[in-house]
Amino acid sequence: MVAHPDTSTGPFAGELFRTLAEEGRLVLDASQADDAIAGLERLLAEVHARLRVIQGWRQMPTSQVGQLPEEVAAEVVDAVFADQLTPGWWETVAEEIPKYIEALRRARRAPPPTGPLH
């Protein structure tokens, strides 16, 4: 039996999901798993985009929002504000989402065979 990871360290359960999938206790129909994986991959792309915004802001020699185009400024303000409220949150999310994706891939159950032989 696989040892269960400690889930008391935060709001994420990626390790637990991977363990459950590995043990066969987390099983999803292929279409459900594929939909969930696609959604998580989109979310991960958004998180990486937000991290790029934060990193770019940190590397600017003079960080003045007023000098940025309006749509970029709004994105920078949102990203930097969220990072100030919960430092390191986006980095943690970027590390955790792939665990969920991996768990869903492991939990994916192929559709039952069809045809005259089955």
PDB file of N, CA and C in Angstrom:
ATOM      1  N   MET A   1       0.845  -1.177   0.000  1.00  0.00           N
ATOM      2  CA  MET A   1       0.000   0.000   0.000  1.00  0.00           C
ATOM      3  C   MET A   1       0.891   1.241   0.000  1.00  0.00           C
ATOM      4  N   VAL A   2       0.458   2.250  -0.697  1.00  0.00           N
ATOM      5  CA  VAL A   2       1.192   3.501  -0.793  1.00  0.00           C
ATOM      6  C   VAL A   2       0.906   4.349   0.437  1.00  0.00           C
ATOM      7  N   ALA A   3       1.945   4.949   1.009  1.00  0.00           N
ATOM      8  CA  ALA A   3       1.747   5.850   2.144  1.00  0.00           C
ATOM      9  C   ALA A   3       1.060   7.114   1.662  1.00  0.00           C
ATOM     10  N   HIS A   4       0.108   7.582   2.433  1.00  0.00           N
ATOM     11  CA  HIS A   4      -0.619   8.791   2.054  1.00  0.00           C
ATOM     12  C   HIS A   4       0.169  10.023   2.481  1.00  0.00           C
ATOM     13  N   PRO A   5       0.295  10.988   1.573  1.00  0.00           N
ATOM     14  CA  PRO A   5       1.037  12.206   1.901  1.00  0.00           C
ATOM     15  C   PRO A   5       0.300  13.055   2.926  1.00  0.00           C
ATOM     16  N   ASP A   6       1.045  13.882   3.598  1.00  0.00           N
ATOM     17  CA  ASP A   6       0.472  14.811   4.565  1.00  0.00           C
ATOM     18  C   ASP A   6      -0.289  15.887   3.807  1.00  0.00           C
ATOM     19  N   THR A   7      -1.577  16.026   4.086  1.00  0.00           N
ATOM     20  CA  THR A   7      -2.394  17.013   3.382  1.00  0.00           C
ATOM     21  C   THR A   7      -2.693  18.222   4.245  1.00  0.00           C
ATOM     22  N   SER A   8      -2.041  18.328   5.400  1.00  0.00           N
ATOM     23  CA  SER A   8      -2.343  19.430   6.304  1.00  0.00           C
ATOM     24  C   SER A   8      -1.511  20.672   6.022  1.00  0.00           C
ATOM     25  N   THR A   9      -0.701  20.655   4.973  1.00  0.00           N
ATOM     26  CA  THR A   9       0.212  21.759   4.714  1.00  0.00           C
ATOM     27  C   THR A   9      -0.413  22.908   3.939  1.00  0.00           C
ATOM     28  N   GLY A  10      -1.618  22.798   3.503  1.00  0.00           N
ATOM     29  CA  GLY A  10      -2.211  23.903   2.774  1.00  0.00           C
ATOM     30  C   GLY A  10      -3.486  23.488   2.067  1.00  0.00           C
ATOM     31  N   PRO A  11      -3.975  24.374   1.210  1.00  0.00           N
ATOM     32  CA  PRO A  11      -5.257  24.128   0.555  1.00  0.00           C
ATOM     33  C   PRO A  11      -5.161  23.178  -0.634  1.00  0.00           C
ATOM     34  N   PHE A  12      -3.985  22.687  -0.964  1.00  0.00           N
ATOM     35  CA  PHE A  12      -3.824  21.846  -2.146  1.00  0.00           C
ATOM     36  C   PHE A  12      -3.776  20.373  -1.774  1.00  0.00           C
ATOM     37  N   ALA A  13      -4.286  19.544  -2.650  1.00  0.00           N
ATOM     38  CA  ALA A  13      -4.305  18.103  -2.409  1.00  0.00           C
ATOM     39  C   ALA A  13      -3.747  17.341  -3.597  1.00  0.00           C
ATOM     40  N   GLY A  14      -2.815  17.951  -4.325  1.00  0.00           N
ATOM     41  CA  GLY A  14      -2.250  17.312  -5.511  1.00  0.00           C
ATOM     42  C   GLY A  14      -1.609  15.980  -5.220  1.00  0.00           C
ATOM     43  N   GLU A  15      -0.842  15.910  -4.139  1.00  0.00           N
ATOM     44  CA  GLU A  15      -0.189  14.647  -3.772  1.00  0.00           C
ATOM     45  C   GLU A  15      -1.232  13.583  -3.422  1.00  0.00           C
ATOM     46  N   LEU A  16      -2.255  13.979  -2.695  1.00  0.00           N
ATOM     47  CA  LEU A  16      -3.311  13.041  -2.335  1.00  0.00           C
ATOM     48  C   LEU A  16      -4.019  12.533  -3.588  1.00  0.00           C
ATOM     49  N   PHE A  17      -4.338  13.413  -4.509  1.00  0.00           N
ATOM     50  CA  PHE A  17      -5.006  13.012  -5.751  1.00  0.00           C
ATOM     51  C   PHE A  17      -4.136  12.037  -6.533  1.00  0.00           C
ATOM     52  N   ARG A  18      -2.820  12.312  -6.601  1.00  0.00           N
ATOM     53  CA  ARG A  18      -1.920  11.393  -7.312  1.00  0.00           C
ATOM     54  C   ARG A  18      -1.913  10.023  -6.645  1.00  0.00           C
ATOM     55  N   THR A  19      -1.887  10.003  -5.326  1.00  0.00           N
ATOM     56  CA  THR A  19      -1.886   8.738  -4.599  1.00  0.00           C
ATOM     57  C   THR A  19      -3.183   7.980  -4.837  1.00  0.00           C
ATOM     58  N   LEU A  20      -4.300   8.671  -4.746  1.00  0.00           N
ATOM     59  CA  LEU A  20      -5.596   8.017  -4.970  1.00  0.00           C
ATOM     60  C   LEU A  20      -5.699   7.455  -6.382  1.00  0.00           C
ATOM     61  N   ALA A  21      -5.212   8.202  -7.358  1.00  0.00           N
ATOM     62  CA  ALA A  21      -5.244   7.721  -8.739  1.00  0.00           C
ATOM     63  C   ALA A  21      -4.331   6.511  -8.906  1.00  0.00           C
ATOM     64  N   GLU A  22      -3.168   6.566  -8.294  1.00  0.00           N
ATOM     65  CA  GLU A  22      -2.217   5.460  -8.385  1.00  0.00           C
ATOM     66  C   GLU A  22      -2.799   4.185  -7.767  1.00  0.00           C
ATOM     67  N   GLU A  23      -3.539   4.337  -6.686  1.00  0.00           N
ATOM     68  CA  GLU A  23      -4.156   3.200  -6.010  1.00  0.00           C
ATOM     69  C   GLU A  23      -5.431   2.731  -6.706  1.00  0.00           C
ATOM     70  N   GLY A  24      -5.889   3.484  -7.716  1.00  0.00           N
ATOM     71  CA  GLY A  24      -7.112   3.114  -8.412  1.00  0.00           C
ATOM     72  C   GLY A  24      -8.373   3.546  -7.701  1.00  0.00           C
ATOM     73  N   ARG A  25      -8.234   4.400  -6.699  1.00  0.00           N
ATOM     74  CA  ARG A  25      -9.401   4.878  -5.948  1.00  0.00           C
ATOM     75  C   ARG A  25      -9.949   6.181  -6.506  1.00  0.00           C
ATOM     76  N   LEU A  26      -9.222   6.790  -7.438  1.00  0.00           N
ATOM     77  CA  LEU A  26      -9.707   7.957  -8.172  1.00  0.00           C
ATOM     78  C   LEU A  26      -9.754   7.542  -9.634  1.00  0.00           C
ATOM     79  N   VAL A  27     -10.961   7.402 -10.150  1.00  0.00           N
ATOM     80  CA  VAL A  27     -11.151   6.944 -11.517  1.00  0.00           C
ATOM     81  C   VAL A  27     -12.207   7.832 -12.164  1.00  0.00           C
ATOM     82  N   LEU A  28     -11.914   8.299 -13.360  1.00  0.00           N
ATOM     83  CA  LEU A  28     -12.857   9.135 -14.104  1.00  0.00           C
ATOM     84  C   LEU A  28     -13.020   8.596 -15.515  1.00  0.00           C
ATOM     85  N   ASP A  29     -14.210   8.805 -16.062  1.00  0.00           N
ATOM     86  CA  ASP A  29     -14.401   8.501 -17.478  1.00  0.00           C
ATOM     87  C   ASP A  29     -13.445   9.359 -18.287  1.00  0.00           C
ATOM     88  N   ALA A  30     -13.010   8.845 -19.412  1.00  0.00           N
ATOM     89  CA  ALA A  30     -12.032   9.548 -20.235  1.00  0.00           C
ATOM     90  C   ALA A  30     -12.496  10.953 -20.590  1.00  0.00           C
ATOM     91  N   SER A  31     -13.759  11.116 -20.944  1.00  0.00           N
ATOM     92  CA  SER A  31     -14.223  12.448 -21.356  1.00  0.00           C
ATOM     93  C   SER A  31     -14.218  13.419 -20.176  1.00  0.00           C
ATOM     94  N   GLN A  32     -14.591  12.953 -18.990  1.00  0.00           N
ATOM     95  CA  GLN A  32     -14.549  13.813 -17.802  1.00  0.00           C
ATOM     96  C   GLN A  32     -13.114  14.208 -17.482  1.00  0.00           C
ATOM     97  N   ALA A  33     -12.224  13.234 -17.515  1.00  0.00           N
ATOM     98  CA  ALA A  33     -10.818  13.509 -17.227  1.00  0.00           C
ATOM     99  C   ALA A  33     -10.243  14.471 -18.258  1.00  0.00           C
ATOM    100  N   ASP A  34     -10.540  14.245 -19.526  1.00  0.00           N
ATOM    101  CA  ASP A  34     -10.017  15.111 -20.580  1.00  0.00           C
ATOM    102  C   ASP A  34     -10.500  16.542 -20.419  1.00  0.00           C
ATOM    103  N   ASP A  35     -11.781  16.712 -20.073  1.00  0.00           N
ATOM    104  CA  ASP A  35     -12.325  18.063 -19.856  1.00  0.00           C
ATOM    105  C   ASP A  35     -11.635  18.739 -18.673  1.00  0.00           C
ATOM    106  N   ALA A  36     -11.480  18.003 -17.586  1.00  0.00           N
ATOM    107  CA  ALA A  36     -10.827  18.570 -16.401  1.00  0.00           C
ATOM    108  C   ALA A  36      -9.366  18.913 -16.682  1.00  0.00           C
ATOM    109  N   ILE A  37      -8.671  18.038 -17.395  1.00  0.00           N
ATOM    110  CA  ILE A  37      -7.268  18.279 -17.745  1.00  0.00           C
ATOM    111  C   ILE A  37      -7.152  19.521 -18.615  1.00  0.00           C
ATOM    112  N   ALA A  38      -8.021  19.643 -19.606  1.00  0.00           N
ATOM    113  CA  ALA A  38      -7.986  20.815 -20.494  1.00  0.00           C
ATOM    114  C   ALA A  38      -8.204  22.101 -19.690  1.00  0.00           C
ATOM    115  N   GLY A  39      -9.146  22.077 -18.762  1.00  0.00           N
ATOM    116  CA  GLY A  39      -9.396  23.252 -17.930  1.00  0.00           C
ATOM    117  C   GLY A  39      -8.198  23.593 -17.061  1.00  0.00           C
ATOM    118  N   LEU A  40      -7.565  22.587 -16.475  1.00  0.00           N
ATOM    119  CA  LEU A  40      -6.389  22.825 -15.643  1.00  0.00           C
ATOM    120  C   LEU A  40      -5.204  23.313 -16.471  1.00  0.00           C
ATOM    121  N   GLU A  41      -5.072  22.811 -17.684  1.00  0.00           N
ATOM    122  CA  GLU A  41      -3.985  23.291 -18.548  1.00  0.00           C
ATOM    123  C   GLU A  41      -4.192  24.751 -18.929  1.00  0.00           C
ATOM    124  N   ARG A  42      -5.441  25.148 -19.166  1.00  0.00           N
ATOM    125  CA  ARG A  42      -5.729  26.561 -19.438  1.00  0.00           C
ATOM    126  C   ARG A  42      -5.419  27.412 -18.210  1.00  0.00           C
ATOM    127  N   LEU A  43      -5.829  26.935 -17.047  1.00  0.00           N
ATOM    128  CA  LEU A  43      -5.551  27.644 -15.802  1.00  0.00           C
ATOM    129  C   LEU A  43      -4.046  27.775 -15.572  1.00  0.00           C
ATOM    130  N   LEU A  44      -3.302  26.716 -15.823  1.00  0.00           N
ATOM    131  CA  LEU A  44      -1.856  26.755 -15.649  1.00  0.00           C
ATOM    132  C   LEU A  44      -1.221  27.781 -16.591  1.00  0.00           C
ATOM    133  N   ALA A  45      -1.716  27.868 -17.814  1.00  0.00           N
ATOM    134  CA  ALA A  45      -1.211  28.878 -18.756  1.00  0.00           C
ATOM    135  C   ALA A  45      -1.484  30.284 -18.226  1.00  0.00           C
ATOM    136  N   GLU A  46      -2.657  30.499 -17.636  1.00  0.00           N
ATOM    137  CA  GLU A  46      -2.987  31.806 -17.064  1.00  0.00           C
ATOM    138  C   GLU A  46      -2.087  32.132 -15.866  1.00  0.00           C
ATOM    139  N   VAL A  47      -1.822  31.137 -15.052  1.00  0.00           N
ATOM    140  CA  VAL A  47      -0.940  31.336 -13.891  1.00  0.00           C
ATOM    141  C   VAL A  47       0.461  31.698 -14.360  1.00  0.00           C
ATOM    142  N   HIS A  48       0.958  30.988 -15.369  1.00  0.00           N
ATOM    143  CA  HIS A  48       2.292  31.308 -15.900  1.00  0.00           C
ATOM    144  C   HIS A  48       2.327  32.715 -16.494  1.00  0.00           C
ATOM    145  N   ALA A  49       1.250  33.121 -17.143  1.00  0.00           N
ATOM    146  CA  ALA A  49       1.183  34.479 -17.689  1.00  0.00           C
ATOM    147  C   ALA A  49       1.237  35.506 -16.558  1.00  0.00           C
ATOM    148  N   ARG A  50       0.513  35.240 -15.495  1.00  0.00           N
ATOM    149  CA  ARG A  50       0.516  36.152 -14.348  1.00  0.00           C
ATOM    150  C   ARG A  50       1.904  36.216 -13.716  1.00  0.00           C
ATOM    151  N   LEU A  51       2.571  35.077 -13.616  1.00  0.00           N
ATOM    152  CA  LEU A  51       3.932  35.058 -13.068  1.00  0.00           C
ATOM    153  C   LEU A  51       4.895  35.857 -13.945  1.00  0.00           C
ATOM    154  N   ARG A  52       4.708  35.786 -15.260  1.00  0.00           N
ATOM    155  CA  ARG A  52       5.550  36.586 -16.168  1.00  0.00           C
ATOM    156  C   ARG A  52       5.317  38.074 -15.950  1.00  0.00           C
ATOM    157  N   VAL A  53       4.079  38.466 -15.717  1.00  0.00           N
ATOM    158  CA  VAL A  53       3.757  39.870 -15.448  1.00  0.00           C
ATOM    159  C   VAL A  53       4.449  40.316 -14.160  1.00  0.00           C
ATOM    160  N   ILE A  54       4.340  39.509 -13.122  1.00  0.00           N
ATOM    161  CA  ILE A  54       4.964  39.862 -11.838  1.00  0.00           C
ATOM    162  C   ILE A  54       6.476  39.941 -11.987  1.00  0.00           C
ATOM    163  N   GLN A  55       7.057  38.964 -12.660  1.00  0.00           N
ATOM    164  CA  GLN A  55       8.517  38.967 -12.854  1.00  0.00           C
ATOM    165  C   GLN A  55       8.954  40.178 -13.678  1.00  0.00           C
ATOM    166  N   GLY A  56       8.211  40.488 -14.720  1.00  0.00           N
ATOM    167  CA  GLY A  56       8.528  41.663 -15.532  1.00  0.00           C
ATOM    168  C   GLY A  56       8.466  42.945 -14.722  1.00  0.00           C
ATOM    169  N   TRP A  57       7.467  43.041 -13.865  1.00  0.00           N
ATOM    170  CA  TRP A  57       7.310  44.215 -13.006  1.00  0.00           C
ATOM    171  C   TRP A  57       8.494  44.346 -12.064  1.00  0.00           C
ATOM    172  N   ARG A  58       8.900  43.223 -11.496  1.00  0.00           N
ATOM    173  CA  ARG A  58      10.027  43.245 -10.559  1.00  0.00           C
ATOM    174  C   ARG A  58      11.329  43.638 -11.243  1.00  0.00           C
ATOM    175  N   GLN A  59      11.451  43.357 -12.522  1.00  0.00           N
ATOM    176  CA  GLN A  59      12.689  43.643 -13.247  1.00  0.00           C
ATOM    177  C   GLN A  59      12.721  45.022 -13.879  1.00  0.00           C
ATOM    178  N   MET A  60      11.613  45.728 -13.858  1.00  0.00           N
ATOM    179  CA  MET A  60      11.582  47.068 -14.441  1.00  0.00           C
ATOM    180  C   MET A  60      12.448  47.999 -13.596  1.00  0.00           C
ATOM    181  N   PRO A  61      13.302  48.815 -14.252  1.00  0.00           N
ATOM    182  CA  PRO A  61      14.163  49.719 -13.486  1.00  0.00           C
ATOM    183  C   PRO A  61      13.375  50.740 -12.672  1.00  0.00           C
ATOM    184  N   THR A  62      12.324  51.271 -13.248  1.00  0.00           N
ATOM    185  CA  THR A  62      11.446  52.178 -12.513  1.00  0.00           C
ATOM    186  C   THR A  62      10.028  51.659 -12.685  1.00  0.00           C
ATOM    187  N   SER A  63       9.482  51.158 -11.642  1.00  0.00           N
ATOM    188  CA  SER A  63       8.162  50.538 -11.693  1.00  0.00           C
ATOM    189  C   SER A  63       7.077  51.588 -11.515  1.00  0.00           C
ATOM    190  N   GLN A  64       6.616  52.152 -12.626  1.00  0.00           N
ATOM    191  CA  GLN A  64       5.560  53.149 -12.593  1.00  0.00           C
ATOM    192  C   GLN A  64       4.418  52.703 -13.492  1.00  0.00           C
ATOM    193  N   VAL A  65       3.317  52.376 -12.872  1.00  0.00           N
ATOM    194  CA  VAL A  65       2.166  51.880 -13.602  1.00  0.00           C
ATOM    195  C   VAL A  65       1.655  52.916 -14.598  1.00  0.00           C
ATOM    196  N   GLY A  66       1.734  54.184 -14.259  1.00  0.00           N
ATOM    197  CA  GLY A  66       1.221  55.235 -15.127  1.00  0.00           C
ATOM    198  C   GLY A  66       1.905  55.310 -16.479  1.00  0.00           C
ATOM    199  N   GLN A  67       3.060  54.714 -16.619  1.00  0.00           N
ATOM    200  CA  GLN A  67       3.775  54.737 -17.889  1.00  0.00           C
ATOM    201  C   GLN A  67       3.410  53.558 -18.788  1.00  0.00           C
ATOM    202  N   LEU A  68       2.576  52.671 -18.297  1.00  0.00           N
ATOM    203  CA  LEU A  68       2.185  51.493 -19.070  1.00  0.00           C
ATOM    204  C   LEU A  68       0.879  51.741 -19.808  1.00  0.00           C
ATOM    205  N   PRO A  69       0.654  51.053 -20.944  1.00  0.00           N
ATOM    206  CA  PRO A  69      -0.660  51.131 -21.597  1.00  0.00           C
ATOM    207  C   PRO A  69      -1.745  50.672 -20.625  1.00  0.00           C
ATOM    208  N   GLU A  70      -2.941  51.217 -20.779  1.00  0.00           N
ATOM    209  CA  GLU A  70      -4.014  51.001 -19.810  1.00  0.00           C
ATOM    210  C   GLU A  70      -4.312  49.526 -19.554  1.00  0.00           C
ATOM    211  N   GLU A  71      -4.431  48.706 -20.630  1.00  0.00           N
ATOM    212  CA  GLU A  71      -4.778  47.291 -20.410  1.00  0.00           C
ATOM    213  C   GLU A  71      -3.638  46.544 -19.733  1.00  0.00           C
ATOM    214  N   VAL A  72      -2.409  46.913 -20.017  1.00  0.00           N
ATOM    215  CA  VAL A  72      -1.253  46.288 -19.360  1.00  0.00           C
ATOM    216  C   VAL A  72      -1.190  46.730 -17.904  1.00  0.00           C
ATOM    217  N   ALA A  73      -1.441  48.003 -17.663  1.00  0.00           N
ATOM    218  CA  ALA A  73      -1.409  48.527 -16.297  1.00  0.00           C
ATOM    219  C   ALA A  73      -2.419  47.803 -15.412  1.00  0.00           C
ATOM    220  N   ALA A  74      -3.616  47.568 -15.912  1.00  0.00           N
ATOM    221  CA  ALA A  74      -4.639  46.871 -15.128  1.00  0.00           C
ATOM    222  C   ALA A  74      -4.182  45.455 -14.784  1.00  0.00           C
ATOM    223  N   GLU A  75      -3.592  44.778 -15.735  1.00  0.00           N
ATOM    224  CA  GLU A  75      -3.095  43.417 -15.493  1.00  0.00           C
ATOM    225  C   GLU A  75      -1.957  43.418 -14.468  1.00  0.00           C
ATOM    226  N   VAL A  76      -1.069  44.399 -14.586  1.00  0.00           N
ATOM    227  CA  VAL A  76       0.051  44.506 -13.643  1.00  0.00           C
ATOM    228  C   VAL A  76      -0.472  44.784 -12.240  1.00  0.00           C
ATOM    229  N   VAL A  77      -1.401  45.721 -12.114  1.00  0.00           N
ATOM    230  CA  VAL A  77      -1.948  46.058 -10.794  1.00  0.00           C
ATOM    231  C   VAL A  77      -2.602  44.827 -10.165  1.00  0.00           C
ATOM    232  N   ASP A  78      -3.403  44.103 -10.929  1.00  0.00           N
ATOM    233  CA  ASP A  78      -4.060  42.904 -10.404  1.00  0.00           C
ATOM    234  C   ASP A  78      -3.042  41.872  -9.943  1.00  0.00           C
ATOM    235  N   ALA A  79      -2.059  41.601 -10.783  1.00  0.00           N
ATOM    236  CA  ALA A  79      -1.064  40.568 -10.470  1.00  0.00           C
ATOM    237  C   ALA A  79      -0.208  40.961  -9.274  1.00  0.00           C
ATOM    238  N   VAL A  80       0.275  42.187  -9.262  1.00  0.00           N
ATOM    239  CA  VAL A  80       1.154  42.635  -8.182  1.00  0.00           C
ATOM    240  C   VAL A  80       0.381  42.731  -6.868  1.00  0.00           C
ATOM    241  N   PHE A  81      -0.847  43.208  -6.913  1.00  0.00           N
ATOM    242  CA  PHE A  81      -1.670  43.306  -5.710  1.00  0.00           C
ATOM    243  C   PHE A  81      -1.896  41.915  -5.109  1.00  0.00           C
ATOM    244  N   ALA A  82      -2.273  40.959  -5.959  1.00  0.00           N
ATOM    245  CA  ALA A  82      -2.492  39.588  -5.475  1.00  0.00           C
ATOM    246  C   ALA A  82      -1.208  39.011  -4.894  1.00  0.00           C
ATOM    247  N   ASP A  83      -0.082  39.304  -5.522  1.00  0.00           N
ATOM    248  CA  ASP A  83       1.199  38.804  -5.026  1.00  0.00           C
ATOM    249  C   ASP A  83       1.566  39.437  -3.686  1.00  0.00           C
ATOM    250  N   GLN A  84       1.193  40.691  -3.489  1.00  0.00           N
ATOM    251  CA  GLN A  84       1.480  41.341  -2.213  1.00  0.00           C
ATOM    252  C   GLN A  84       0.597  40.801  -1.089  1.00  0.00           C
ATOM    253  N   LEU A  85      -0.633  40.458  -1.411  1.00  0.00           N
ATOM    254  CA  LEU A  85      -1.542  39.907  -0.399  1.00  0.00           C
ATOM    255  C   LEU A  85      -1.122  38.507   0.032  1.00  0.00           C
ATOM    256  N   THR A  86      -0.673  37.713  -0.931  1.00  0.00           N
ATOM    257  CA  THR A  86      -0.277  36.328  -0.650  1.00  0.00           C
ATOM    258  C   THR A  86       1.030  36.027  -1.377  1.00  0.00           C
ATOM    259  N   PRO A  87       2.140  36.504  -0.839  1.00  0.00           N
ATOM    260  CA  PRO A  87       3.424  36.288  -1.504  1.00  0.00           C
ATOM    261  C   PRO A  87       3.703  34.807  -1.748  1.00  0.00           C
ATOM    262  N   GLY A  88       4.129  34.505  -2.955  1.00  0.00           N
ATOM    263  CA  GLY A  88       4.471  33.135  -3.311  1.00  0.00           C
ATOM    264  C   GLY A  88       3.301  32.264  -3.733  1.00  0.00           C
ATOM    265  N   TRP A  89       2.086  32.810  -3.650  1.00  0.00           N
ATOM    266  CA  TRP A  89       0.889  32.033  -3.995  1.00  0.00           C
ATOM    267  C   TRP A  89       0.933  31.535  -5.429  1.00  0.00           C
ATOM    268  N   TRP A  90       1.240  32.408  -6.370  1.00  0.00           N
ATOM    269  CA  TRP A  90       1.221  32.015  -7.782  1.00  0.00           C
ATOM    270  C   TRP A  90       2.289  30.969  -8.081  1.00  0.00           C
ATOM    271  N   GLU A  91       3.438  31.064  -7.423  1.00  0.00           N
ATOM    272  CA  GLU A  91       4.480  30.065  -7.606  1.00  0.00           C
ATOM    273  C   GLU A  91       4.007  28.708  -7.094  1.00  0.00           C
ATOM    274  N   THR A  92       3.326  28.723  -5.950  1.00  0.00           N
ATOM    275  CA  THR A  92       2.802  27.483  -5.377  1.00  0.00           C
ATOM    276  C   THR A  92       1.744  26.879  -6.293  1.00  0.00           C
ATOM    277  N   VAL A  93       0.852  27.710  -6.791  1.00  0.00           N
ATOM    278  CA  VAL A  93      -0.182  27.233  -7.706  1.00  0.00           C
ATOM    279  C   VAL A  93       0.463  26.620  -8.955  1.00  0.00           C
ATOM    280  N   ALA A  94       1.499  27.266  -9.475  1.00  0.00           N
ATOM    281  CA  ALA A  94       2.185  26.748 -10.671  1.00  0.00           C
ATOM    282  C   ALA A  94       2.851  25.400 -10.401  1.00  0.00           C
ATOM    283  N   GLU A  95       3.222  25.138  -9.162  1.00  0.00           N
ATOM    284  CA  GLU A  95       3.809  23.845  -8.804  1.00  0.00           C
ATOM    285  C   GLU A  95       2.738  22.786  -8.561  1.00  0.00           C
ATOM    286  N   GLU A  96       1.585  23.197  -8.068  1.00  0.00           N
ATOM    287  CA  GLU A  96       0.544  22.246  -7.688  1.00  0.00           C
ATOM    288  C   GLU A  96      -0.343  21.788  -8.841  1.00  0.00           C
ATOM    289  N   ILE A  97      -0.681  22.671  -9.752  1.00  0.00           N
ATOM    290  CA  ILE A  97      -1.598  22.302 -10.840  1.00  0.00           C
ATOM    291  C   ILE A  97      -1.088  21.097 -11.627  1.00  0.00           C
ATOM    292  N   PRO A  98       0.204  21.010 -11.958  1.00  0.00           N
ATOM    293  CA  PRO A  98       0.669  19.820 -12.681  1.00  0.00           C
ATOM    294  C   PRO A  98       0.429  18.509 -11.923  1.00  0.00           C
ATOM    295  N   LYS A  99       0.391  18.553 -10.605  1.00  0.00           N
ATOM    296  CA  LYS A  99       0.101  17.343  -9.822  1.00  0.00           C
ATOM    297  C   LYS A  99      -1.329  16.883 -10.072  1.00  0.00           C
ATOM    298  N   TYR A 100      -2.248  17.839 -10.144  1.00  0.00           N
ATOM    299  CA  TYR A 100      -3.639  17.497 -10.426  1.00  0.00           C
ATOM    300  C   TYR A 100      -3.774  16.944 -11.847  1.00  0.00           C
ATOM    301  N   ILE A 101      -3.074  17.559 -12.782  1.00  0.00           N
ATOM    302  CA  ILE A 101      -3.116  17.089 -14.167  1.00  0.00           C
ATOM    303  C   ILE A 101      -2.599  15.651 -14.237  1.00  0.00           C
ATOM    304  N   GLU A 102      -1.477  15.395 -13.579  1.00  0.00           N
ATOM    305  CA  GLU A 102      -0.919  14.042 -13.568  1.00  0.00           C
ATOM    306  C   GLU A 102      -1.904  13.054 -12.941  1.00  0.00           C
ATOM    307  N   ALA A 103      -2.526  13.436 -11.834  1.00  0.00           N
ATOM    308  CA  ALA A 103      -3.491  12.557 -11.173  1.00  0.00           C
ATOM    309  C   ALA A 103      -4.660  12.243 -12.100  1.00  0.00           C
ATOM    310  N   LEU A 104      -5.156  13.253 -12.803  1.00  0.00           N
ATOM    311  CA  LEU A 104      -6.278  13.028 -13.713  1.00  0.00           C
ATOM    312  C   LEU A 104      -5.880  12.139 -14.880  1.00  0.00           C
ATOM    313  N   ARG A 105      -4.656  12.274 -15.346  1.00  0.00           N
ATOM    314  CA  ARG A 105      -4.191  11.379 -16.417  1.00  0.00           C
ATOM    315  C   ARG A 105      -4.121   9.937 -15.920  1.00  0.00           C
ATOM    316  N   ARG A 106      -3.666   9.759 -14.685  1.00  0.00           N
ATOM    317  CA  ARG A 106      -3.619   8.414 -14.101  1.00  0.00           C
ATOM    318  C   ARG A 106      -5.032   7.868 -13.854  1.00  0.00           C
ATOM    319  N   ALA A 107      -5.956   8.739 -13.508  1.00  0.00           N
ATOM    320  CA  ALA A 107      -7.317   8.327 -13.163  1.00  0.00           C
ATOM    321  C   ALA A 107      -8.193   8.118 -14.390  1.00  0.00           C
ATOM    322  N   ARG A 108      -7.701   8.510 -15.549  1.00  0.00           N
ATOM    323  CA  ARG A 108      -8.488   8.452 -16.785  1.00  0.00           C
ATOM    324  C   ARG A 108      -8.777   7.000 -17.155  1.00  0.00           C
ATOM    325  N   ARG A 109     -10.045   6.692 -17.299  1.00  0.00           N
ATOM    326  CA  ARG A 109     -10.464   5.348 -17.688  1.00  0.00           C
ATOM    327  C   ARG A 109     -10.950   5.399 -19.130  1.00  0.00           C
ATOM    328  N   ALA A 110     -10.365   4.560 -19.944  1.00  0.00           N
ATOM    329  CA  ALA A 110     -10.761   4.511 -21.355  1.00  0.00           C
ATOM    330  C   ALA A 110     -12.213   4.058 -21.460  1.00  0.00           C
ATOM    331  N   PRO A 111     -12.914   4.517 -22.514  1.00  0.00           N
ATOM    332  CA  PRO A 111     -14.301   4.083 -22.679  1.00  0.00           C
ATOM    333  C   PRO A 111     -14.339   2.573 -22.937  1.00  0.00           C
ATOM    334  N   PRO A 112     -15.431   1.930 -22.539  1.00  0.00           N
ATOM    335  CA  PRO A 112     -15.534   0.475 -22.761  1.00  0.00           C
ATOM    336  C   PRO A 112     -15.514   0.155 -24.248  1.00  0.00           C
ATOM    337  N   PRO A 113     -14.934  -0.978 -24.601  1.00  0.00           N
ATOM    338  CA  PRO A 113     -14.891  -1.352 -26.021  1.00  0.00           C
ATOM    339  C   PRO A 113     -16.309  -1.569 -26.557  1.00  0.00           C
ATOM    340  N   THR A 114     -16.470  -1.256 -27.815  1.00  0.00           N
ATOM    341  CA  THR A 114     -17.762  -1.455 -28.472  1.00  0.00           C
ATOM    342  C   THR A 114     -17.543  -2.274 -29.729  1.00  0.00           C
ATOM    343  N   GLY A 115     -18.576  -2.792 -30.247  1.00  0.00           N
ATOM    344  CA  GLY A 115     -18.476  -3.541 -31.492  1.00  0.00           C
ATOM    345  C   GLY A 115     -19.012  -4.944 -31.329  1.00  0.00           C
ATOM    346  N   PRO A 116     -19.042  -5.716 -32.413  1.00  0.00           N
ATOM    347  CA  PRO A 116     -19.661  -7.052 -32.384  1.00  0.00           C
ATOM    348  C   PRO A 116     -18.895  -8.060 -31.517  1.00  0.00           C
ATOM    349  N   LEU A 117     -17.626  -7.873 -31.284  1.00  0.00           N
ATOM    350  CA  LEU A 117     -16.864  -8.824 -30.496  1.00  0.00           C
ATOM    351  C   LEU A 117     -16.991  -8.592 -28.998  1.00  0.00           C
ATOM    352  N   HIS A 118     -17.601  -7.507 -28.585  1.00  0.00           N
ATOM    353  CA  HIS A 118     -17.688  -7.176 -27.160  1.00  0.00           C
ATOM    354  C   HIS A 118     -19.086  -7.166 -26.686  1.00  0.00           C
TER     355      HIS A 118
END
